[in-house]
PDB file of N, CA and C in Angstrom:
ATOM      1  N   MET A   1     -43.655  20.974  29.713  1.00  0.00           N
ATOM      2  CA  MET A   1     -43.821  19.844  30.743  1.00  0.00           C
ATOM      3  C   MET A   1     -45.109  20.305  31.761  1.00  0.00           C
ATOM      4  N   ALA A   2     -45.438  21.498  31.633  1.00  0.00           N
ATOM      5  CA  ALA A   2     -46.538  21.882  32.549  1.00  0.00           C
ATOM      6  C   ALA A   2     -47.846  21.501  31.516  1.00  0.00           C
ATOM      7  N   LYS A   3     -47.725  21.579  30.275  1.00  0.00           N
ATOM      8  CA  LYS A   3     -48.793  21.532  29.383  1.00  0.00           C
ATOM      9  C   LYS A   3     -49.307  19.833  29.398  1.00  0.00           C
ATOM     10  N   LYS A   4     -48.321  19.127  29.502  1.00  0.00           N
ATOM     11  CA  LYS A   4     -48.462  17.666  29.756  1.00  0.00           C
ATOM     12  C   LYS A   4     -49.308  17.304  30.864  1.00  0.00           C
ATOM     13  N   ALA A   5     -49.133  17.978  32.014  1.00  0.00           N
ATOM     14  CA  ALA A   5     -49.737  17.764  33.207  1.00  0.00           C
ATOM     15  C   ALA A   5     -50.986  18.096  33.181  1.00  0.00           C
ATOM     16  N   VAL A   6     -51.389  19.534  32.782  1.00  0.00           N
ATOM     17  CA  VAL A   6     -52.735  19.889  32.637  1.00  0.00           C
ATOM     18  C   VAL A   6     -53.604  19.006  31.674  1.00  0.00           C
ATOM     19  N   ALA A   7     -53.240  18.840  30.545  1.00  0.00           N
ATOM     20  CA  ALA A   7     -53.655  17.782  29.691  1.00  0.00           C
ATOM     21  C   ALA A   7     -54.135  16.446  30.216  1.00  0.00           C
ATOM     22  N   SER A   8     -53.350  15.922  30.832  1.00  0.00           N
ATOM     23  CA  SER A   8     -53.602  14.756  31.353  1.00  0.00           C
ATOM     24  C   SER A   8     -54.532  14.769  32.575  1.00  0.00           C
ATOM     25  N   LEU A   9     -54.720  15.996  33.403  1.00  0.00           N
ATOM     26  CA  LEU A   9     -55.561  15.937  34.373  1.00  0.00           C
ATOM     27  C   LEU A   9     -57.022  16.269  33.742  1.00  0.00           C
ATOM     28  N   GLN A  10     -57.363  16.521  32.570  1.00  0.00           N
ATOM     29  CA  GLN A  10     -58.454  16.756  31.996  1.00  0.00           C
ATOM     30  C   GLN A  10     -59.280  15.498  31.484  1.00  0.00           C
ATOM     31  N   LYS A  11     -58.488  14.482  31.723  1.00  0.00           N
ATOM     32  CA  LYS A  11     -59.143  13.113  31.297  1.00  0.00           C
ATOM     33  C   LYS A  11     -59.323  12.166  32.462  1.00  0.00           C
ATOM     34  N   GLY A  12     -60.680  11.786  32.444  1.00  0.00           N
ATOM     35  CA  GLY A  12     -60.866  10.600  33.420  1.00  0.00           C
ATOM     36  C   GLY A  12     -61.186  11.228  34.742  1.00  0.00           C
ATOM     37  N   GLU A  13     -60.219  10.828  35.982  1.00  0.00           N
ATOM     38  CA  GLU A  13     -60.321  11.025  37.241  1.00  0.00           C
ATOM     39  C   GLU A  13     -59.669  12.323  37.285  1.00  0.00           C
ATOM     40  N   GLY A  14     -59.017  12.792  36.766  1.00  0.00           N
ATOM     41  CA  GLY A  14     -58.231  13.985  36.913  1.00  0.00           C
ATOM     42  C   GLY A  14     -59.319  15.183  37.141  1.00  0.00           C
ATOM     43  N   ARG A  15     -60.508  15.115  36.971  1.00  0.00           N
ATOM     44  CA  ARG A  15     -61.387  16.347  36.844  1.00  0.00           C
ATOM     45  C   ARG A  15     -61.753  16.287  38.475  1.00  0.00           C
ATOM     46  N   GLY A  16     -61.514  15.439  39.405  1.00  0.00           N
ATOM     47  CA  GLY A  16     -61.905  15.403  40.449  1.00  0.00           C
ATOM     48  C   GLY A  16     -60.933  16.234  41.570  1.00  0.00           C
ATOM     49  N   PHE A  17     -59.933  16.822  40.956  1.00  0.00           N
ATOM     50  CA  PHE A  17     -58.700  17.714  41.750  1.00  0.00           C
ATOM     51  C   PHE A  17     -58.889  19.092  41.055  1.00  0.00           C
ATOM     52  N   ALA A  18     -58.349  19.960  41.899  1.00  0.00           N
ATOM     53  CA  ALA A  18     -58.360  21.211  41.531  1.00  0.00           C
ATOM     54  C   ALA A  18     -56.802  21.853  42.296  1.00  0.00           C
ATOM     55  N   LYS A  19     -56.162  22.519  41.342  1.00  0.00           N
ATOM     56  CA  LYS A  19     -54.917  23.110  41.581  1.00  0.00           C
ATOM     57  C   LYS A  19     -55.030  24.180  42.434  1.00  0.00           C
ATOM     58  N   VAL A  20     -54.607  24.080  43.613  1.00  0.00           N
ATOM     59  CA  VAL A  20     -54.886  25.715  44.370  1.00  0.00           C
ATOM     60  C   VAL A  20     -53.648  26.270  44.693  1.00  0.00           C
ATOM     61  N   ILE A  21     -53.431  27.528  44.438  1.00  0.00           N
ATOM     62  CA  ILE A  21     -52.305  28.415  44.977  1.00  0.00           C
ATOM     63  C   ILE A  21     -52.267  29.263  46.182  1.00  0.00           C
ATOM     64  N   LYS A  22     -51.670  29.041  47.094  1.00  0.00           N
ATOM     65  CA  LYS A  22     -51.795  29.875  48.384  1.00  0.00           C
ATOM     66  C   LYS A  22     -50.629  30.688  48.495  1.00  0.00           C
ATOM     67  N   MET A  23     -50.744  31.970  48.917  1.00  0.00           N
ATOM     68  CA  MET A  23     -49.645  32.913  49.143  1.00  0.00           C
ATOM     69  C   MET A  23     -49.136  32.777  50.640  1.00  0.00           C
ATOM     70  N   VAL A  24     -48.057  32.682  50.913  1.00  0.00           N
ATOM     71  CA  VAL A  24     -47.443  32.229  52.131  1.00  0.00           C
ATOM     72  C   VAL A  24     -46.284  33.391  52.460  1.00  0.00           C
ATOM     73  N   LYS A  25     -46.613  34.029  53.522  1.00  0.00           N
ATOM     74  CA  LYS A  25     -45.587  35.175  54.079  1.00  0.00           C
ATOM     75  C   LYS A  25     -44.531  34.562  54.930  1.00  0.00           C
ATOM     76  N   SER A  26     -43.187  34.841  54.744  1.00  0.00           N
ATOM     77  CA  SER A  26     -42.073  34.431  55.286  1.00  0.00           C
ATOM     78  C   SER A  26     -41.940  35.075  56.620  1.00  0.00           C
ATOM     79  N   PRO A  27     -41.723  34.243  57.858  1.00  0.00           N
ATOM     80  CA  PRO A  27     -41.828  35.003  58.821  1.00  0.00           C
ATOM     81  C   PRO A  27     -40.395  35.728  59.266  1.00  0.00           C
ATOM     82  N   LYS A  28     -39.373  35.469  58.488  1.00  0.00           N
ATOM     83  CA  LYS A  28     -37.961  36.020  58.701  1.00  0.00           C
ATOM     84  C   LYS A  28     -37.764  37.217  57.766  1.00  0.00           C
ATOM     85  N   THR A  29     -38.245  37.199  56.732  1.00  0.00           N
ATOM     86  CA  THR A  29     -37.896  38.299  55.598  1.00  0.00           C
ATOM     87  C   THR A  29     -39.266  39.011  55.496  1.00  0.00           C
ATOM     88  N   GLY A  30     -40.583  38.578  55.787  1.00  0.00           N
ATOM     89  CA  GLY A  30     -41.589  38.986  55.291  1.00  0.00           C
ATOM     90  C   GLY A  30     -42.117  39.117  53.858  1.00  0.00           C
ATOM     91  N   ALA A  31     -41.312  38.363  53.026  1.00  0.00           N
ATOM     92  CA  ALA A  31     -41.481  38.187  51.592  1.00  0.00           C
ATOM     93  C   ALA A  31     -42.437  37.303  51.445  1.00  0.00           C
ATOM     94  N   TYR A  32     -43.263  37.494  50.227  1.00  0.00           N
ATOM     95  CA  TYR A  32     -44.223  36.519  50.103  1.00  0.00           C
ATOM     96  C   TYR A  32     -43.998  35.515  49.132  1.00  0.00           C
ATOM     97  N   SER A  33     -44.309  34.117  49.191  1.00  0.00           N
ATOM     98  CA  SER A  33     -43.949  33.154  48.148  1.00  0.00           C
ATOM     99  C   SER A  33     -45.250  32.382  47.811  1.00  0.00           C
ATOM    100  N   PHE A  34     -45.262  31.691  46.862  1.00  0.00           N
ATOM    101  CA  PHE A  34     -46.433  31.098  46.515  1.00  0.00           C
ATOM    102  C   PHE A  34     -46.559  29.621  46.669  1.00  0.00           C
ATOM    103  N   LYS A  35     -47.377  28.758  47.282  1.00  0.00           N
ATOM    104  CA  LYS A  35     -47.483  27.306  47.396  1.00  0.00           C
ATOM    105  C   LYS A  35     -48.438  26.644  46.581  1.00  0.00           C
ATOM    106  N   GLU A  36     -48.363  25.947  45.825  1.00  0.00           N
ATOM    107  CA  GLU A  36     -49.321  25.067  44.863  1.00  0.00           C
ATOM    108  C   GLU A  36     -49.437  23.729  45.205  1.00  0.00           C
ATOM    109  N   GLU A  37     -50.617  23.064  45.345  1.00  0.00           N
ATOM    110  CA  GLU A  37     -50.921  21.843  45.764  1.00  0.00           C
ATOM    111  C   GLU A  37     -52.207  21.406  44.582  1.00  0.00           C
ATOM    112  N   MET A  38     -52.256  20.060  44.508  1.00  0.00           N
ATOM    113  CA  MET A  38     -53.393  19.408  43.974  1.00  0.00           C
ATOM    114  C   MET A  38     -54.539  18.883  45.182  1.00  0.00           C
ATOM    115  N   VAL A  39     -55.493  19.229  45.119  1.00  0.00           N
ATOM    116  CA  VAL A  39     -56.463  19.089  46.229  1.00  0.00           C
ATOM    117  C   VAL A  39     -57.676  18.743  45.697  1.00  0.00           C
ATOM    118  N   PRO A  40     -58.403  17.675  46.054  1.00  0.00           N
ATOM    119  CA  PRO A  40     -59.610  16.957  45.757  1.00  0.00           C
ATOM    120  C   PRO A  40     -60.777  18.332  45.765  1.00  0.00           C
ATOM    121  N   ASN A  41     -61.492  18.385  44.880  1.00  0.00           N
ATOM    122  CA  ASN A  41     -62.662  19.386  44.958  1.00  0.00           C
ATOM    123  C   ASN A  41     -63.410  19.694  45.918  1.00  0.00           C
ATOM    124  N   GLU A  42     -63.700  18.770  46.819  1.00  0.00           N
ATOM    125  CA  GLU A  42     -64.417  18.897  48.232  1.00  0.00           C
ATOM    126  C   GLU A  42     -63.670  19.685  49.238  1.00  0.00           C
ATOM    127  N   MET A  43     -62.333  19.508  49.000  1.00  0.00           N
ATOM    128  CA  MET A  43     -61.629  19.925  50.274  1.00  0.00           C
ATOM    129  C   MET A  43     -61.005  21.355  49.949  1.00  0.00           C
ATOM    130  N   VAL A  44     -61.486  22.104  48.670  1.00  0.00           N
ATOM    131  CA  VAL A  44     -60.936  23.291  48.288  1.00  0.00           C
ATOM    132  C   VAL A  44     -61.074  24.506  49.213  1.00  0.00           C
ATOM    133  N   LYS A  45     -62.123  24.524  49.921  1.00  0.00           N
ATOM    134  CA  LYS A  45     -62.769  25.613  50.776  1.00  0.00           C
ATOM    135  C   LYS A  45     -62.028  25.450  52.404  1.00  0.00           C
ATOM    136  N   THR A  46     -61.942  23.943  52.574  1.00  0.00           N
ATOM    137  CA  THR A  46     -61.191  23.906  53.920  1.00  0.00           C
ATOM    138  C   THR A  46     -59.592  24.074  53.855  1.00  0.00           C
ATOM    139  N   HIS A  47     -59.024  23.733  52.559  1.00  0.00           N
ATOM    140  CA  HIS A  47     -57.792  24.000  52.468  1.00  0.00           C
ATOM    141  C   HIS A  47     -57.213  25.344  52.771  1.00  0.00           C
ATOM    142  N   PHE A  48     -58.125  26.540  52.541  1.00  0.00           N
ATOM    143  CA  PHE A  48     -57.673  27.866  52.718  1.00  0.00           C
ATOM    144  C   PHE A  48     -58.089  28.484  54.045  1.00  0.00           C
ATOM    145  N   LYS A  49     -58.773  27.557  54.761  1.00  0.00           N
ATOM    146  CA  LYS A  49     -59.094  28.032  56.431  1.00  0.00           C
ATOM    147  C   LYS A  49     -57.754  27.832  57.221  1.00  0.00           C
TER     148      LYS A  49
END
């Protein structure tokens, strides 16, 4: 299923987006988890601030 999503993003308008993965620390347990999002290329740097 992931291969389909990646393949479809390489055609046409999908190139204007980037998949960003952010590491988030849980305030309760202190464990880290990963949050994935699709963001327009222009907003990648502002997403991590």
